Amino acid sequence: MRNLRIIICLAGALLVAMPVAAETPPPPKGQPLDEALADAAERIMNALRVMVLAIPQYQAPELLPNGDILIRRLPKPADPEQPAKTPPPPQDL
């Protein structure tokens, strides 16, 4: 099951990166291979960053006195480069 999740994540990352790669022109003939590979790696990392930021973030599950399990969604950060701050845990009810 864990391997399936990894395969799905990698396939999703490649699918996100494909339109970006399709829109960019091929490297000039004089560009060395290592520069072209570094540029491609940078585009893939940017696509992965966008994909990870699109996944909603959640707090740790909380067990309520009546037996319900509450999982709160964290608010999106104002700046996409900064991770969401975890609010303090709620006080006992």
C-alpha atoms as a PDB file:
ATOM      1  CA  MET A   1       0.000   0.000   0.000  1.00  0.00           C
ATOM      2  CA  ARG A   2       2.857   2.352   0.832  1.00  0.00           C
ATOM      3  CA  ASN A   3       4.546   1.615  -2.496  1.00  0.00           C
ATOM      4  CA  LEU A   4       1.304   2.356  -4.312  1.00  0.00           C
ATOM      5  CA  ARG A   5       1.107   5.781  -2.648  1.00  0.00           C
ATOM      6  CA  ILE A   6       4.670   6.577  -3.677  1.00  0.00           C
ATOM      7  CA  ILE A   7       3.967   5.526  -7.261  1.00  0.00           C
ATOM      8  CA  ILE A   8       0.801   7.639  -7.360  1.00  0.00           C
ATOM      9  CA  CYS A   9       2.655  10.682  -5.985  1.00  0.00           C
ATOM     10  CA  LEU A  10       5.448  10.314  -8.521  1.00  0.00           C
ATOM     11  CA  ALA A  11       2.986   9.857 -11.370  1.00  0.00           C
ATOM     12  CA  GLY A  12       1.118  12.967 -10.232  1.00  0.00           C
ATOM     13  CA  ALA A  13       4.332  14.961 -10.098  1.00  0.00           C
ATOM     14  CA  LEU A  14       5.241  13.878 -13.603  1.00  0.00           C
ATOM     15  CA  LEU A  15       1.782  14.756 -14.887  1.00  0.00           C
ATOM     16  CA  VAL A  16       2.058  18.214 -13.329  1.00  0.00           C
ATOM     17  CA  ALA A  17       5.507  18.730 -14.833  1.00  0.00           C
ATOM     18  CA  MET A  18       4.544  17.573 -18.344  1.00  0.00           C
ATOM     19  CA  PRO A  19       2.557  20.697 -19.346  1.00  0.00           C
ATOM     20  CA  VAL A  20       5.388  22.891 -18.050  1.00  0.00           C
ATOM     21  CA  ALA A  21       7.921  20.941 -20.083  1.00  0.00           C
ATOM     22  CA  ALA A  22       5.696  21.032 -23.164  1.00  0.00           C
ATOM     23  CA  GLU A  23       5.440  24.830 -23.062  1.00  0.00           C
ATOM     24  CA  THR A  24       9.137  25.532 -22.662  1.00  0.00           C
ATOM     25  CA  PRO A  25      11.325  25.635 -25.756  1.00  0.00           C
ATOM     26  CA  PRO A  26      14.101  23.063 -26.098  1.00  0.00           C
ATOM     27  CA  PRO A  27      17.540  24.160 -24.872  1.00  0.00           C
ATOM     28  CA  PRO A  28      19.724  25.905 -27.447  1.00  0.00           C
ATOM     29  CA  LYS A  29      22.196  23.726 -29.328  1.00  0.00           C
ATOM     30  CA  GLY A  30      25.141  25.378 -27.565  1.00  0.00           C
ATOM     31  CA  GLN A  31      23.824  24.745 -24.028  1.00  0.00           C
ATOM     32  CA  PRO A  32      25.810  22.052 -22.195  1.00  0.00           C
ATOM     33  CA  LEU A  33      24.021  18.930 -21.026  1.00  0.00           C
ATOM     34  CA  ASP A  34      24.630  19.624 -17.326  1.00  0.00           C
ATOM     35  CA  GLU A  35      22.942  23.042 -17.594  1.00  0.00           C
ATOM     36  CA  ALA A  36      19.971  21.504 -19.399  1.00  0.00           C
ATOM     37  CA  LEU A  37      19.668  18.809 -16.706  1.00  0.00           C
ATOM     38  CA  ALA A  38      19.891  21.397 -13.919  1.00  0.00           C
ATOM     39  CA  ASP A  39      17.170  23.443 -15.603  1.00  0.00           C
ATOM     40  CA  ALA A  40      14.933  20.380 -15.958  1.00  0.00           C
ATOM     41  CA  ALA A  41      15.523  19.407 -12.309  1.00  0.00           C
ATOM     42  CA  GLU A  42      14.595  22.926 -11.206  1.00  0.00           C
ATOM     43  CA  ARG A  43      11.329  22.788 -13.178  1.00  0.00           C
ATOM     44  CA  ILE A  44      10.476  19.390 -11.648  1.00  0.00           C
ATOM     45  CA  MET A  45      11.181  20.701  -8.129  1.00  0.00           C
ATOM     46  CA  ASN A  46       8.941  23.716  -8.766  1.00  0.00           C
ATOM     47  CA  ALA A  47       6.152  21.409  -9.947  1.00  0.00           C
ATOM     48  CA  LEU A  48       6.546  19.247  -6.832  1.00  0.00           C
ATOM     49  CA  ARG A  49       6.481  22.343  -4.608  1.00  0.00           C
ATOM     50  CA  VAL A  50       3.200  23.471  -6.198  1.00  0.00           C
ATOM     51  CA  MET A  51       1.731  19.995  -5.770  1.00  0.00           C
ATOM     52  CA  VAL A  52       2.675  19.782  -2.076  1.00  0.00           C
ATOM     53  CA  LEU A  53       1.287  23.256  -1.375  1.00  0.00           C
ATOM     54  CA  ALA A  54      -2.012  22.245  -2.977  1.00  0.00           C
ATOM     55  CA  ILE A  55      -2.520  19.397  -0.479  1.00  0.00           C
ATOM     56  CA  PRO A  56      -4.612  20.551   2.494  1.00  0.00           C
ATOM     57  CA  GLN A  57      -2.857  20.390   5.860  1.00  0.00           C
ATOM     58  CA  TYR A  58      -4.555  18.999   8.982  1.00  0.00           C
ATOM     59  CA  GLN A  59      -3.946  19.038  12.724  1.00  0.00           C
ATOM     60  CA  ALA A  60      -3.507  15.912  14.764  1.00  0.00           C
ATOM     61  CA  PRO A  61      -6.798  14.079  15.448  1.00  0.00           C
ATOM     62  CA  GLU A  62      -8.573  15.054  18.661  1.00  0.00           C
ATOM     63  CA  LEU A  63     -10.826  12.736  20.650  1.00  0.00           C
ATOM     64  CA  LEU A  64     -13.865  14.544  22.070  1.00  0.00           C
ATOM     65  CA  PRO A  65     -15.507  13.495  25.364  1.00  0.00           C
ATOM     66  CA  ASN A  66     -18.512  12.044  23.503  1.00  0.00           C
ATOM     67  CA  GLY A  67     -16.213   9.731  21.492  1.00  0.00           C
ATOM     68  CA  ASP A  68     -16.176  11.730  18.253  1.00  0.00           C
ATOM     69  CA  ILE A  69     -12.871  12.220  16.484  1.00  0.00           C
ATOM     70  CA  LEU A  70     -12.244  15.758  15.267  1.00  0.00           C
ATOM     71  CA  ILE A  71      -9.609  16.552  12.628  1.00  0.00           C
ATOM     72  CA  ARG A  72      -9.264  20.284  12.039  1.00  0.00           C
ATOM     73  CA  ARG A  73      -7.944  21.696   8.772  1.00  0.00           C
ATOM     74  CA  LEU A  74      -5.144  24.231   9.179  1.00  0.00           C
ATOM     75  CA  PRO A  75      -5.705  27.632   7.578  1.00  0.00           C
ATOM     76  CA  LYS A  76      -3.697  28.315   4.439  1.00  0.00           C
ATOM     77  CA  PRO A  77      -0.638  30.508   5.043  1.00  0.00           C
ATOM     78  CA  ALA A  78      -0.689  34.018   3.626  1.00  0.00           C
ATOM     79  CA  ASP A  79       2.744  33.538   2.027  1.00  0.00           C
ATOM     80  CA  PRO A  80       3.001  30.270   0.020  1.00  0.00           C
ATOM     81  CA  GLU A  81       6.729  30.014   0.844  1.00  0.00           C
ATOM     82  CA  GLN A  82       6.076  29.822   4.614  1.00  0.00           C
ATOM     83  CA  PRO A  83       4.578  26.670   6.162  1.00  0.00           C
ATOM     84  CA  ALA A  84       1.308  26.910   8.059  1.00  0.00           C
ATOM     85  CA  LYS A  85       1.637  27.558  11.787  1.00  0.00           C
ATOM     86  CA  THR A  86       0.002  24.964  13.987  1.00  0.00           C
ATOM     87  CA  PRO A  87      -2.477  26.621  16.353  1.00  0.00           C
ATOM     88  CA  PRO A  88      -2.298  25.661  20.030  1.00  0.00           C
ATOM     89  CA  PRO A  89      -4.302  22.580  20.998  1.00  0.00           C
ATOM     90  CA  PRO A  90      -7.803  23.368  22.328  1.00  0.00           C
ATOM     91  CA  GLN A  91      -8.406  23.324  26.062  1.00  0.00           C
ATOM     92  CA  ASP A  92     -10.260  20.389  27.620  1.00  0.00           C
ATOM     93  CA  LEU A  93     -14.017  20.715  27.245  1.00  0.00           C
END
